[in-house]
mmCIF file of all heavy atoms, coordinates in Angstrom:
data_MODEL
# 
_entry.id   MODEL 
# 
loop_
_atom_site.group_PDB 
_atom_site.id 
_atom_site.type_symbol 
_atom_site.label_atom_id 
_atom_site.label_alt_id 
_atom_site.label_comp_id 
_atom_site.label_asym_id 
_atom_site.label_entity_id 
_atom_site.label_seq_id 
_atom_site.pdbx_PDB_ins_code 
_atom_site.Cartn_x 
_atom_site.Cartn_y 
_atom_site.Cartn_z 
_atom_site.occupancy 
_atom_site.B_iso_or_equiv 
_atom_site.pdbx_formal_charge 
_atom_site.auth_seq_id 
_atom_site.auth_comp_id 
_atom_site.auth_asym_id 
_atom_site.auth_atom_id 
_atom_site.pdbx_PDB_model_num 
ATOM 1   N N   . GLY A 1 1  ? 89.017 87.080  107.767 1.00 0.00 ? 1  GLY A N   1 
ATOM 2   C CA  . GLY A 1 1  ? 87.523 87.149  107.350 1.00 0.00 ? 1  GLY A CA  1 
ATOM 3   C C   . GLY A 1 1  ? 87.107 88.565  106.994 1.00 0.00 ? 1  GLY A C   1 
ATOM 4   O O   . GLY A 1 1  ? 85.899 88.880  106.924 1.00 0.00 ? 1  GLY A O   1 
ATOM 5   N N   . ASN A 1 2  ? 88.111 89.490  106.738 1.00 0.00 ? 2  ASN A N   1 
ATOM 6   C CA  . ASN A 1 2  ? 87.781 90.856  106.428 1.00 0.00 ? 2  ASN A CA  1 
ATOM 7   C C   . ASN A 1 2  ? 88.069 91.185  104.978 1.00 0.00 ? 2  ASN A C   1 
ATOM 8   O O   . ASN A 1 2  ? 88.818 90.518  104.306 1.00 0.00 ? 2  ASN A O   1 
ATOM 9   C CB  . ASN A 1 2  ? 88.684 91.741  107.268 1.00 0.00 ? 2  ASN A CB  1 
ATOM 10  C CG  . ASN A 1 2  ? 88.432 91.537  108.775 1.00 0.00 ? 2  ASN A CG  1 
ATOM 11  O OD1 . ASN A 1 2  ? 87.279 91.253  109.232 1.00 0.00 ? 2  ASN A OD1 1 
ATOM 12  N ND2 . ASN A 1 2  ? 89.463 91.699  109.587 1.00 0.00 ? 2  ASN A ND2 1 
ATOM 13  N N   . ILE A 1 3  ? 87.447 92.306  104.525 1.00 0.00 ? 3  ILE A N   1 
ATOM 14  C CA  . ILE A 1 3  ? 87.826 92.905  103.274 1.00 0.00 ? 3  ILE A CA  1 
ATOM 15  C C   . ILE A 1 3  ? 88.228 94.338  103.543 1.00 0.00 ? 3  ILE A C   1 
ATOM 16  O O   . ILE A 1 3  ? 87.802 94.953  104.517 1.00 0.00 ? 3  ILE A O   1 
ATOM 17  C CB  . ILE A 1 3  ? 86.634 92.904  102.230 1.00 0.00 ? 3  ILE A CB  1 
ATOM 18  C CG1 . ILE A 1 3  ? 85.451 93.655  102.768 1.00 0.00 ? 3  ILE A CG1 1 
ATOM 19  C CG2 . ILE A 1 3  ? 86.293 91.453  101.869 1.00 0.00 ? 3  ILE A CG2 1 
ATOM 20  C CD1 . ILE A 1 3  ? 84.320 93.833  101.757 1.00 0.00 ? 3  ILE A CD1 1 
ATOM 21  N N   . GLU A 1 4  ? 89.141 94.849  102.704 1.00 0.00 ? 4  GLU A N   1 
ATOM 22  C CA  . GLU A 1 4  ? 89.572 96.241  102.869 1.00 0.00 ? 4  GLU A CA  1 
ATOM 23  C C   . GLU A 1 4  ? 88.886 97.049  101.730 1.00 0.00 ? 4  GLU A C   1 
ATOM 24  O O   . GLU A 1 4  ? 89.121 96.879  100.582 1.00 0.00 ? 4  GLU A O   1 
ATOM 25  C CB  . GLU A 1 4  ? 91.087 96.353  102.706 1.00 0.00 ? 4  GLU A CB  1 
ATOM 26  C CG  . GLU A 1 4  ? 91.891 95.663  103.813 1.00 0.00 ? 4  GLU A CG  1 
ATOM 27  C CD  . GLU A 1 4  ? 91.598 96.247  105.164 1.00 0.00 ? 4  GLU A CD  1 
ATOM 28  O OE1 . GLU A 1 4  ? 91.344 97.526  105.200 1.00 0.00 ? 4  GLU A OE1 1 
ATOM 29  O OE2 . GLU A 1 4  ? 91.602 95.545  106.132 1.00 0.00 ? 4  GLU A OE2 1 
ATOM 30  N N   . TYR A 1 5  ? 88.004 97.922  102.206 1.00 0.00 ? 5  TYR A N   1 
ATOM 31  C CA  . TYR A 1 5  ? 87.197 98.647  101.247 1.00 0.00 ? 5  TYR A CA  1 
ATOM 32  C C   . TYR A 1 5  ? 87.740 100.080 101.053 1.00 0.00 ? 5  TYR A C   1 
ATOM 33  O O   . TYR A 1 5  ? 87.983 100.780 102.048 1.00 0.00 ? 5  TYR A O   1 
ATOM 34  C CB  . TYR A 1 5  ? 85.706 98.711  101.679 1.00 0.00 ? 5  TYR A CB  1 
ATOM 35  C CG  . TYR A 1 5  ? 84.725 98.807  100.541 1.00 0.00 ? 5  TYR A CG  1 
ATOM 36  C CD1 . TYR A 1 5  ? 84.083 97.721  100.076 1.00 0.00 ? 5  TYR A CD1 1 
ATOM 37  C CD2 . TYR A 1 5  ? 84.579 100.035 99.883  1.00 0.00 ? 5  TYR A CD2 1 
ATOM 38  C CE1 . TYR A 1 5  ? 83.186 97.782  99.024  1.00 0.00 ? 5  TYR A CE1 1 
ATOM 39  C CE2 . TYR A 1 5  ? 83.683 100.130 98.811  1.00 0.00 ? 5  TYR A CE2 1 
ATOM 40  C CZ  . TYR A 1 5  ? 83.028 98.966  98.372  1.00 0.00 ? 5  TYR A CZ  1 
ATOM 41  O OH  . TYR A 1 5  ? 82.140 99.046  97.332  1.00 0.00 ? 5  TYR A OH  1 
ATOM 42  N N   . PRO A 1 6  ? 87.882 100.510 99.818  1.00 0.00 ? 6  PRO A N   1 
ATOM 43  C CA  . PRO A 1 6  ? 88.416 101.926 99.646  1.00 0.00 ? 6  PRO A CA  1 
ATOM 44  C C   . PRO A 1 6  ? 87.549 102.949 100.283 1.00 0.00 ? 6  PRO A C   1 
ATOM 45  O O   . PRO A 1 6  ? 86.316 102.982 100.059 1.00 0.00 ? 6  PRO A O   1 
ATOM 46  C CB  . PRO A 1 6  ? 88.493 102.018 98.112  1.00 0.00 ? 6  PRO A CB  1 
ATOM 47  C CG  . PRO A 1 6  ? 87.584 100.962 97.563  1.00 0.00 ? 6  PRO A CG  1 
ATOM 48  C CD  . PRO A 1 6  ? 87.621 99.826  98.550  1.00 0.00 ? 6  PRO A CD  1 
ATOM 49  N N   . ARG A 1 7  ? 88.159 103.794 101.079 1.00 0.00 ? 7  ARG A N   1 
ATOM 50  C CA  . ARG A 1 7  ? 87.544 104.888 101.763 1.00 0.00 ? 7  ARG A CA  1 
ATOM 51  C C   . ARG A 1 7  ? 86.522 104.535 102.850 1.00 0.00 ? 7  ARG A C   1 
ATOM 52  O O   . ARG A 1 7  ? 86.007 105.375 103.551 1.00 0.00 ? 7  ARG A O   1 
ATOM 53  C CB  . ARG A 1 7  ? 86.736 105.788 100.729 1.00 0.00 ? 7  ARG A CB  1 
ATOM 54  C CG  . ARG A 1 7  ? 87.707 106.517 99.734  1.00 0.00 ? 7  ARG A CG  1 
ATOM 55  C CD  . ARG A 1 7  ? 87.041 107.229 98.725  1.00 0.00 ? 7  ARG A CD  1 
ATOM 56  N NE  . ARG A 1 7  ? 88.012 108.020 97.893  1.00 0.00 ? 7  ARG A NE  1 
ATOM 57  C CZ  . ARG A 1 7  ? 88.812 107.458 96.982  1.00 0.00 ? 7  ARG A CZ  1 
ATOM 58  N NH1 . ARG A 1 7  ? 88.664 106.134 96.751  1.00 0.00 ? 7  ARG A NH1 1 
ATOM 59  N NH2 . ARG A 1 7  ? 89.697 108.203 96.337  1.00 0.00 ? 7  ARG A NH2 1 
ATOM 60  N N   . LEU A 1 8  ? 86.293 103.212 103.003 1.00 0.00 ? 8  LEU A N   1 
ATOM 61  C CA  . LEU A 1 8  ? 85.414 102.786 104.070 1.00 0.00 ? 8  LEU A CA  1 
ATOM 62  C C   . LEU A 1 8  ? 86.194 101.990 105.149 1.00 0.00 ? 8  LEU A C   1 
ATOM 63  O O   . LEU A 1 8  ? 85.692 101.809 106.258 1.00 0.00 ? 8  LEU A O   1 
ATOM 64  C CB  . LEU A 1 8  ? 84.231 101.890 103.519 1.00 0.00 ? 8  LEU A CB  1 
ATOM 65  C CG  . LEU A 1 8  ? 83.300 102.589 102.516 1.00 0.00 ? 8  LEU A CG  1 
ATOM 66  C CD1 . LEU A 1 8  ? 82.238 101.596 102.137 1.00 0.00 ? 8  LEU A CD1 1 
ATOM 67  C CD2 . LEU A 1 8  ? 82.728 103.849 103.187 1.00 0.00 ? 8  LEU A CD2 1 
ATOM 68  N N   . GLY A 1 9  ? 87.392 101.522 104.789 1.00 0.00 ? 9  GLY A N   1 
ATOM 69  C CA  . GLY A 1 9  ? 88.194 100.778 105.745 1.00 0.00 ? 9  GLY A CA  1 
ATOM 70  C C   . GLY A 1 9  ? 87.920 99.313  105.798 1.00 0.00 ? 9  GLY A C   1 
ATOM 71  O O   . GLY A 1 9  ? 87.367 98.729  104.850 1.00 0.00 ? 9  GLY A O   1 
ATOM 72  N N   . THR A 1 10 ? 88.222 98.680  106.931 1.00 0.00 ? 10 THR A N   1 
ATOM 73  C CA  . THR A 1 10 ? 88.028 97.248  107.163 1.00 0.00 ? 10 THR A CA  1 
ATOM 74  C C   . THR A 1 10 ? 86.652 96.882  107.438 1.00 0.00 ? 10 THR A C   1 
ATOM 75  O O   . THR A 1 10 ? 85.983 97.502  108.306 1.00 0.00 ? 10 THR A O   1 
ATOM 76  C CB  . THR A 1 10 ? 88.983 96.814  108.312 1.00 0.00 ? 10 THR A CB  1 
ATOM 77  O OG1 . THR A 1 10 ? 90.308 97.106  107.969 1.00 0.00 ? 10 THR A OG1 1 
ATOM 78  C CG2 . THR A 1 10 ? 88.830 95.262  108.476 1.00 0.00 ? 10 THR A CG2 1 
ATOM 79  N N   . ILE A 1 11 ? 86.116 95.871  106.741 1.00 0.00 ? 11 ILE A N   1 
ATOM 80  C CA  . ILE A 1 11 ? 84.748 95.400  106.970 1.00 0.00 ? 11 ILE A CA  1 
ATOM 81  C C   . ILE A 1 11 ? 84.784 93.926  107.126 1.00 0.00 ? 11 ILE A C   1 
ATOM 82  O O   . ILE A 1 11 ? 85.390 93.206  106.308 1.00 0.00 ? 11 ILE A O   1 
ATOM 83  C CB  . ILE A 1 11 ? 83.805 95.773  105.773 1.00 0.00 ? 11 ILE A CB  1 
ATOM 84  C CG1 . ILE A 1 11 ? 83.731 97.310  105.582 1.00 0.00 ? 11 ILE A CG1 1 
ATOM 85  C CG2 . ILE A 1 11 ? 82.392 95.190  106.043 1.00 0.00 ? 11 ILE A CG2 1 
ATOM 86  C CD1 . ILE A 1 11 ? 82.953 97.702  104.393 1.00 0.00 ? 11 ILE A CD1 1 
ATOM 87  N N   . HIS A 1 12 ? 84.187 93.400  108.217 1.00 0.00 ? 12 HIS A N   1 
ATOM 88  C CA  . HIS A 1 12 ? 84.211 91.940  108.431 1.00 0.00 ? 12 HIS A CA  1 
ATOM 89  C C   . HIS A 1 12 ? 83.149 91.333  107.567 1.00 0.00 ? 12 HIS A C   1 
ATOM 90  O O   . HIS A 1 12 ? 81.951 91.711  107.616 1.00 0.00 ? 12 HIS A O   1 
ATOM 91  C CB  . HIS A 1 12 ? 83.929 91.647  109.916 1.00 0.00 ? 12 HIS A CB  1 
ATOM 92  C CG  . HIS A 1 12 ? 84.106 90.185  110.189 1.00 0.00 ? 12 HIS A CG  1 
ATOM 93  N ND1 . HIS A 1 12 ? 85.357 89.597  110.280 1.00 0.00 ? 12 HIS A ND1 1 
ATOM 94  C CD2 . HIS A 1 12 ? 83.251 89.187  110.482 1.00 0.00 ? 12 HIS A CD2 1 
ATOM 95  C CE1 . HIS A 1 12 ? 85.261 88.306  110.551 1.00 0.00 ? 12 HIS A CE1 1 
ATOM 96  N NE2 . HIS A 1 12 ? 83.933 88.033  110.680 1.00 0.00 ? 12 HIS A NE2 1 
ATOM 97  N N   . ALA A 1 13 ? 83.540 90.367  106.745 1.00 0.00 ? 13 ALA A N   1 
ATOM 98  C CA  . ALA A 1 13 ? 82.632 89.738  105.784 1.00 0.00 ? 13 ALA A CA  1 
ATOM 99  C C   . ALA A 1 13 ? 82.321 88.266  106.076 1.00 0.00 ? 13 ALA A C   1 
ATOM 100 O O   . ALA A 1 13 ? 81.245 87.762  105.732 1.00 0.00 ? 13 ALA A O   1 
ATOM 101 C CB  . ALA A 1 13 ? 83.198 89.853  104.379 1.00 0.00 ? 13 ALA A CB  1 
ATOM 102 N N   . GLU A 1 14 ? 83.226 87.532  106.724 1.00 0.00 ? 14 GLU A N   1 
ATOM 103 C CA  . GLU A 1 14 ? 83.073 86.140  106.970 1.00 0.00 ? 14 GLU A CA  1 
ATOM 104 C C   . GLU A 1 14 ? 81.815 85.821  107.757 1.00 0.00 ? 14 GLU A C   1 
ATOM 105 O O   . GLU A 1 14 ? 81.517 86.497  108.718 1.00 0.00 ? 14 GLU A O   1 
ATOM 106 C CB  . GLU A 1 14 ? 84.261 85.497  107.640 1.00 0.00 ? 14 GLU A CB  1 
ATOM 107 C CG  . GLU A 1 14 ? 84.156 83.981  107.848 1.00 0.00 ? 14 GLU A CG  1 
ATOM 108 C CD  . GLU A 1 14 ? 85.328 83.475  108.702 1.00 0.00 ? 14 GLU A CD  1 
ATOM 109 O OE1 . GLU A 1 14 ? 86.028 84.314  109.332 1.00 0.00 ? 14 GLU A OE1 1 
ATOM 110 O OE2 . GLU A 1 14 ? 85.518 82.241  108.656 1.00 0.00 ? 14 GLU A OE2 1 
ATOM 111 N N   . GLY A 1 15 ? 81.061 84.788  107.284 1.00 0.00 ? 15 GLY A N   1 
ATOM 112 C CA  . GLY A 1 15 ? 79.832 84.368  107.986 1.00 0.00 ? 15 GLY A CA  1 
ATOM 113 C C   . GLY A 1 15 ? 78.577 85.190  107.596 1.00 0.00 ? 15 GLY A C   1 
ATOM 114 O O   . GLY A 1 15 ? 77.476 84.851  108.022 1.00 0.00 ? 15 GLY A O   1 
ATOM 115 N N   . LEU A 1 16 ? 78.784 86.260  106.799 1.00 0.00 ? 16 LEU A N   1 
ATOM 116 C CA  . LEU A 1 16 ? 77.614 87.001  106.340 1.00 0.00 ? 16 LEU A CA  1 
ATOM 117 C C   . LEU A 1 16 ? 77.135 86.495  104.975 1.00 0.00 ? 16 LEU A C   1 
ATOM 118 O O   . LEU A 1 16 ? 77.917 85.918  104.220 1.00 0.00 ? 16 LEU A O   1 
ATOM 119 C CB  . LEU A 1 16 ? 78.015 88.500  106.239 1.00 0.00 ? 16 LEU A CB  1 
ATOM 120 C CG  . LEU A 1 16 ? 78.526 89.186  107.462 1.00 0.00 ? 16 LEU A CG  1 
ATOM 121 C CD1 . LEU A 1 16 ? 78.854 90.650  107.166 1.00 0.00 ? 16 LEU A CD1 1 
ATOM 122 C CD2 . LEU A 1 16 ? 77.431 89.155  108.585 1.00 0.00 ? 16 LEU A CD2 1 
ATOM 123 N N   . THR A 1 17 ? 75.848 86.729  104.692 1.00 0.00 ? 17 THR A N   1 
ATOM 124 C CA  . THR A 1 17 ? 75.333 86.462  103.375 1.00 0.00 ? 17 THR A CA  1 
ATOM 125 C C   . THR A 1 17 ? 75.696 87.712  102.530 1.00 0.00 ? 17 THR A C   1 
ATOM 126 O O   . THR A 1 17 ? 76.103 88.766  103.011 1.00 0.00 ? 17 THR A O   1 
ATOM 127 C CB  . THR A 1 17 ? 73.843 86.267  103.395 1.00 0.00 ? 17 THR A CB  1 
ATOM 128 O OG1 . THR A 1 17 ? 73.229 87.439  103.869 1.00 0.00 ? 17 THR A OG1 1 
ATOM 129 C CG2 . THR A 1 17 ? 73.521 85.074  104.319 1.00 0.00 ? 17 THR A CG2 1 
ATOM 130 N N   . LYS A 1 18 ? 75.460 87.557  101.210 1.00 0.00 ? 18 LYS A N   1 
ATOM 131 C CA  . LYS A 1 18 ? 75.698 88.784  100.364 1.00 0.00 ? 18 LYS A CA  1 
ATOM 132 C C   . LYS A 1 18 ? 74.781 89.896  100.735 1.00 0.00 ? 18 LYS A C   1 
ATOM 133 O O   . LYS A 1 18 ? 75.202 91.042  100.735 1.00 0.00 ? 18 LYS A O   1 
ATOM 134 C CB  . LYS A 1 18 ? 75.460 88.365  98.893  1.00 0.00 ? 18 LYS A CB  1 
ATOM 135 C CG  . LYS A 1 18 ? 76.409 87.383  98.276  1.00 0.00 ? 18 LYS A CG  1 
ATOM 136 C CD  . LYS A 1 18 ? 76.156 87.205  96.793  1.00 0.00 ? 18 LYS A CD  1 
ATOM 137 C CE  . LYS A 1 18 ? 74.709 86.813  96.502  1.00 0.00 ? 18 LYS A CE  1 
ATOM 138 N NZ  . LYS A 1 18 ? 74.457 86.720  95.081  1.00 0.00 ? 18 LYS A NZ  1 
ATOM 139 N N   . HIS A 1 19 ? 73.556 89.587  101.045 1.00 0.00 ? 19 HIS A N   1 
ATOM 140 C CA  . HIS A 1 19 ? 72.586 90.615  101.459 1.00 0.00 ? 19 HIS A CA  1 
ATOM 141 C C   . HIS A 1 19 ? 73.033 91.384  102.715 1.00 0.00 ? 19 HIS A C   1 
ATOM 142 O O   . HIS A 1 19 ? 72.954 92.580  102.814 1.00 0.00 ? 19 HIS A O   1 
ATOM 143 C CB  . HIS A 1 19 ? 71.212 89.972  101.640 1.00 0.00 ? 19 HIS A CB  1 
ATOM 144 C CG  . HIS A 1 19 ? 70.185 90.970  102.170 1.00 0.00 ? 19 HIS A CG  1 
ATOM 145 N ND1 . HIS A 1 19 ? 69.559 91.917  101.366 1.00 0.00 ? 19 HIS A ND1 1 
ATOM 146 C CD2 . HIS A 1 19 ? 69.670 91.157  103.458 1.00 0.00 ? 19 HIS A CD2 1 
ATOM 147 C CE1 . HIS A 1 19 ? 68.736 92.645  102.108 1.00 0.00 ? 19 HIS A CE1 1 
ATOM 148 N NE2 . HIS A 1 19 ? 68.774 92.191  103.327 1.00 0.00 ? 19 HIS A NE2 1 
ATOM 149 N N   . GLU A 1 20 ? 73.498 90.578  103.674 1.00 0.00 ? 20 GLU A N   1 
ATOM 150 C CA  . GLU A 1 20 ? 73.937 91.167  104.970 1.00 0.00 ? 20 GLU A CA  1 
ATOM 151 C C   . GLU A 1 20 ? 75.182 92.056  104.801 1.00 0.00 ? 20 GLU A C   1 
ATOM 152 O O   . GLU A 1 20 ? 75.232 93.143  105.374 1.00 0.00 ? 20 GLU A O   1 
ATOM 153 C CB  . GLU A 1 20 ? 74.266 90.103  105.971 1.00 0.00 ? 20 GLU A CB  1 
ATOM 154 C CG  . GLU A 1 20 ? 72.959 89.319  106.447 1.00 0.00 ? 20 GLU A CG  1 
ATOM 155 C CD  . GLU A 1 20 ? 73.300 88.051  107.260 1.00 0.00 ? 20 GLU A CD  1 
ATOM 156 O OE1 . GLU A 1 20 ? 74.470 87.552  107.131 1.00 0.00 ? 20 GLU A OE1 1 
ATOM 157 O OE2 . GLU A 1 20 ? 72.404 87.545  107.949 1.00 0.00 ? 20 GLU A OE2 1 
ATOM 158 N N   . LEU A 1 21 ? 76.114 91.607  104.009 1.00 0.00 ? 21 LEU A N   1 
ATOM 159 C CA  . LEU A 1 21 ? 77.296 92.382  103.707 1.00 0.00 ? 21 LEU A CA  1 
ATOM 160 C C   . LEU A 1 21 ? 76.919 93.686  102.948 1.00 0.00 ? 21 LEU A C   1 
ATOM 161 O O   . LEU A 1 21 ? 77.419 94.811  103.185 1.00 0.00 ? 21 LEU A O   1 
ATOM 162 C CB  . LEU A 1 21 ? 78.357 91.601  102.928 1.00 0.00 ? 21 LEU A CB  1 
ATOM 163 C CG  . LEU A 1 21 ? 79.590 92.430  102.538 1.00 0.00 ? 21 LEU A CG  1 
ATOM 164 C CD1 . LEU A 1 21 ? 80.308 92.958  103.831 1.00 0.00 ? 21 LEU A CD1 1 
ATOM 165 C CD2 . LEU A 1 21 ? 80.564 91.516  101.734 1.00 0.00 ? 21 LEU A CD2 1 
ATOM 166 N N   . ALA A 1 22 ? 76.029 93.538  101.979 1.00 0.00 ? 22 ALA A N   1 
ATOM 167 C CA  . ALA A 1 22 ? 75.618 94.703  101.171 1.00 0.00 ? 22 ALA A CA  1 
ATOM 168 C C   . ALA A 1 22 ? 74.944 95.743  102.072 1.00 0.00 ? 22 ALA A C   1 
ATOM 169 O O   . ALA A 1 22 ? 75.133 96.961  101.899 1.00 0.00 ? 22 ALA A O   1 
ATOM 170 C CB  . ALA A 1 22 ? 74.664 94.279  100.060 1.00 0.00 ? 22 ALA A CB  1 
ATOM 171 N N   . GLU A 1 23 ? 74.188 95.273  103.102 1.00 0.00 ? 23 GLU A N   1 
ATOM 172 C CA  . GLU A 1 23 ? 73.505 96.208  103.991 1.00 0.00 ? 23 GLU A CA  1 
ATOM 173 C C   . GLU A 1 23 ? 74.539 96.935  104.820 1.00 0.00 ? 23 GLU A C   1 
ATOM 174 O O   . GLU A 1 23 ? 74.387 98.174  105.142 1.00 0.00 ? 23 GLU A O   1 
ATOM 175 C CB  . GLU A 1 23 ? 72.500 95.444  104.870 1.00 0.00 ? 23 GLU A CB  1 
ATOM 176 C CG  . GLU A 1 23 ? 71.676 96.307  105.838 1.00 0.00 ? 23 GLU A CG  1 
ATOM 177 C CD  . GLU A 1 23 ? 70.770 97.284  104.996 1.00 0.00 ? 23 GLU A CD  1 
ATOM 178 O OE1 . GLU A 1 23 ? 70.528 97.101  103.815 1.00 0.00 ? 23 GLU A OE1 1 
ATOM 179 O OE2 . GLU A 1 23 ? 70.372 98.267  105.628 1.00 0.00 ? 23 GLU A OE2 1 
ATOM 180 N N   . GLN A 1 24 ? 75.593 96.242  105.266 1.00 0.00 ? 24 GLN A N   1 
ATOM 181 C CA  . GLN A 1 24 ? 76.646 96.866  106.085 1.00 0.00 ? 24 GLN A CA  1 
ATOM 182 C C   . GLN A 1 24 ? 77.339 97.996  105.288 1.00 0.00 ? 24 GLN A C   1 
ATOM 183 O O   . GLN A 1 24 ? 77.582 99.097  105.762 1.00 0.00 ? 24 GLN A O   1 
ATOM 184 C CB  . GLN A 1 24 ? 77.677 95.837  106.550 1.00 0.00 ? 24 GLN A CB  1 
ATOM 185 C CG  . GLN A 1 24 ? 77.257 95.044  107.722 1.00 0.00 ? 24 GLN A CG  1 
ATOM 186 C CD  . GLN A 1 24 ? 78.460 94.419  108.512 1.00 0.00 ? 24 GLN A CD  1 
ATOM 187 O OE1 . GLN A 1 24 ? 79.545 94.915  108.306 1.00 0.00 ? 24 GLN A OE1 1 
ATOM 188 N NE2 . GLN A 1 24 ? 78.239 93.395  109.278 1.00 0.00 ? 24 GLN A NE2 1 
ATOM 189 N N   . ILE A 1 25 ? 77.684 97.642  104.005 1.00 0.00 ? 25 ILE A N   1 
ATOM 190 C CA  . ILE A 1 25 ? 78.316 98.634  103.186 1.00 0.00 ? 25 ILE A CA  1 
ATOM 191 C C   . ILE A 1 25 ? 77.435 99.811  102.921 1.00 0.00 ? 25 ILE A C   1 
ATOM 192 O O   . ILE A 1 25 ? 77.876 100.948 102.963 1.00 0.00 ? 25 ILE A O   1 
ATOM 193 C CB  . ILE A 1 25 ? 78.802 97.994  101.861 1.00 0.00 ? 25 ILE A CB  1 
ATOM 194 C CG1 . ILE A 1 25 ? 79.856 96.914  102.150 1.00 0.00 ? 25 ILE A CG1 1 
ATOM 195 C CG2 . ILE A 1 25 ? 79.327 99.021  100.868 1.00 0.00 ? 25 ILE A CG2 1 
ATOM 196 C CD1 . ILE A 1 25 ? 80.203 96.048  100.947 1.00 0.00 ? 25 ILE A CD1 1 
ATOM 197 N N   . ARG A 1 26 ? 76.137 99.531  102.690 1.00 0.00 ? 26 ARG A N   1 
ATOM 198 C CA  . ARG A 1 26 ? 75.235 100.634 102.425 1.00 0.00 ? 26 ARG A CA  1 
ATOM 199 C C   . ARG A 1 26 ? 75.098 101.596 103.633 1.00 0.00 ? 26 ARG A C   1 
ATOM 200 O O   . ARG A 1 26 ? 75.095 102.775 103.477 1.00 0.00 ? 26 ARG A O   1 
ATOM 201 C CB  . ARG A 1 26 ? 73.820 100.081 102.082 1.00 0.00 ? 26 ARG A CB  1 
ATOM 202 C CG  . ARG A 1 26 ? 72.835 101.108 101.510 1.00 0.00 ? 26 ARG A CG  1 
ATOM 203 C CD  . ARG A 1 26 ? 71.452 100.503 101.424 1.00 0.00 ? 26 ARG A CD  1 
ATOM 204 N NE  . ARG A 1 26 ? 70.938 100.353 102.755 1.00 0.00 ? 26 ARG A NE  1 
ATOM 205 C CZ  . ARG A 1 26 ? 70.411 101.336 103.519 1.00 0.00 ? 26 ARG A CZ  1 
ATOM 206 N NH1 . ARG A 1 26 ? 70.398 102.580 103.066 1.00 0.00 ? 26 ARG A NH1 1 
ATOM 207 N NH2 . ARG A 1 26 ? 69.938 101.083 104.763 1.00 0.00 ? 26 ARG A NH2 1 
ATOM 208 N N   . LYS A 1 27 ? 75.138 101.066 104.826 1.00 0.00 ? 27 LYS A N   1 
ATOM 209 C CA  . LYS A 1 27 ? 75.025 101.923 105.992 1.00 0.00 ? 27 LYS A CA  1 
ATOM 210 C C   . LYS A 1 27 ? 76.283 102.703 106.161 1.00 0.00 ? 27 LYS A C   1 
ATOM 211 O O   . LYS A 1 27 ? 76.237 103.946 106.535 1.00 0.00 ? 27 LYS A O   1 
ATOM 212 C CB  . LYS A 1 27 ? 74.855 100.988 107.251 1.00 0.00 ? 27 LYS A CB  1 
ATOM 213 C CG  . LYS A 1 27 ? 73.440 100.441 107.450 1.00 0.00 ? 27 LYS A CG  1 
ATOM 214 C CD  . LYS A 1 27 ? 73.317 99.657  108.705 1.00 0.00 ? 27 LYS A CD  1 
ATOM 215 C CE  . LYS A 1 27 ? 71.886 99.136  108.919 1.00 0.00 ? 27 LYS A CE  1 
ATOM 216 N NZ  . LYS A 1 27 ? 71.733 98.372  110.196 1.00 0.00 ? 27 LYS A NZ  1 
ATOM 217 N N   . LYS A 1 28 ? 77.416 102.162 105.869 1.00 0.00 ? 28 LYS A N   1 
ATOM 218 C CA  . LYS A 1 28 ? 78.668 102.912 105.974 1.00 0.00 ? 28 LYS A CA  1 
ATOM 219 C C   . LYS A 1 28 ? 78.742 104.069 104.980 1.00 0.00 ? 28 LYS A C   1 
ATOM 220 O O   . LYS A 1 28 ? 79.396 105.104 105.200 1.00 0.00 ? 28 LYS A O   1 
ATOM 221 C CB  . LYS A 1 28 ? 79.905 101.992 105.747 1.00 0.00 ? 28 LYS A CB  1 
ATOM 222 C CG  . LYS A 1 28 ? 80.256 101.108 106.952 1.00 0.00 ? 28 LYS A CG  1 
ATOM 223 C CD  . LYS A 1 28 ? 81.454 100.257 106.716 1.00 0.00 ? 28 LYS A CD  1 
ATOM 224 C CE  . LYS A 1 28 ? 81.844 99.457  107.914 1.00 0.00 ? 28 LYS A CE  1 
ATOM 225 N NZ  . LYS A 1 28 ? 82.427 100.343 108.969 1.00 0.00 ? 28 LYS A NZ  1 
ATOM 226 N N   . LEU A 1 29 ? 77.979 103.887 103.805 1.00 0.00 ? 29 LEU A N   1 
ATOM 227 C CA  . LEU A 1 29 ? 77.973 104.918 102.800 1.00 0.00 ? 29 LEU A CA  1 
ATOM 228 C C   . LEU A 1 29 ? 76.963 106.074 103.118 1.00 0.00 ? 29 LEU A C   1 
ATOM 229 O O   . LEU A 1 29 ? 76.950 107.121 102.509 1.00 0.00 ? 29 LEU A O   1 
ATOM 230 C CB  . LEU A 1 29 ? 77.596 104.347 101.409 1.00 0.00 ? 29 LEU A CB  1 
ATOM 231 C CG  . LEU A 1 29 ? 78.679 103.411 100.783 1.00 0.00 ? 29 LEU A CG  1 
ATOM 232 C CD1 . LEU A 1 29 ? 78.052 102.649 99.660  1.00 0.00 ? 29 LEU A CD1 1 
ATOM 233 C CD2 . LEU A 1 29 ? 79.858 104.251 100.386 1.00 0.00 ? 29 LEU A CD2 1 
# 
């Protein structure tokens, strides 16, 4: 259920909506 994001590492995506995943990525940035 994970994605490997360049320079941000492993992010769990399964079970999230697009909006929720986008918010997680934005916080990591």
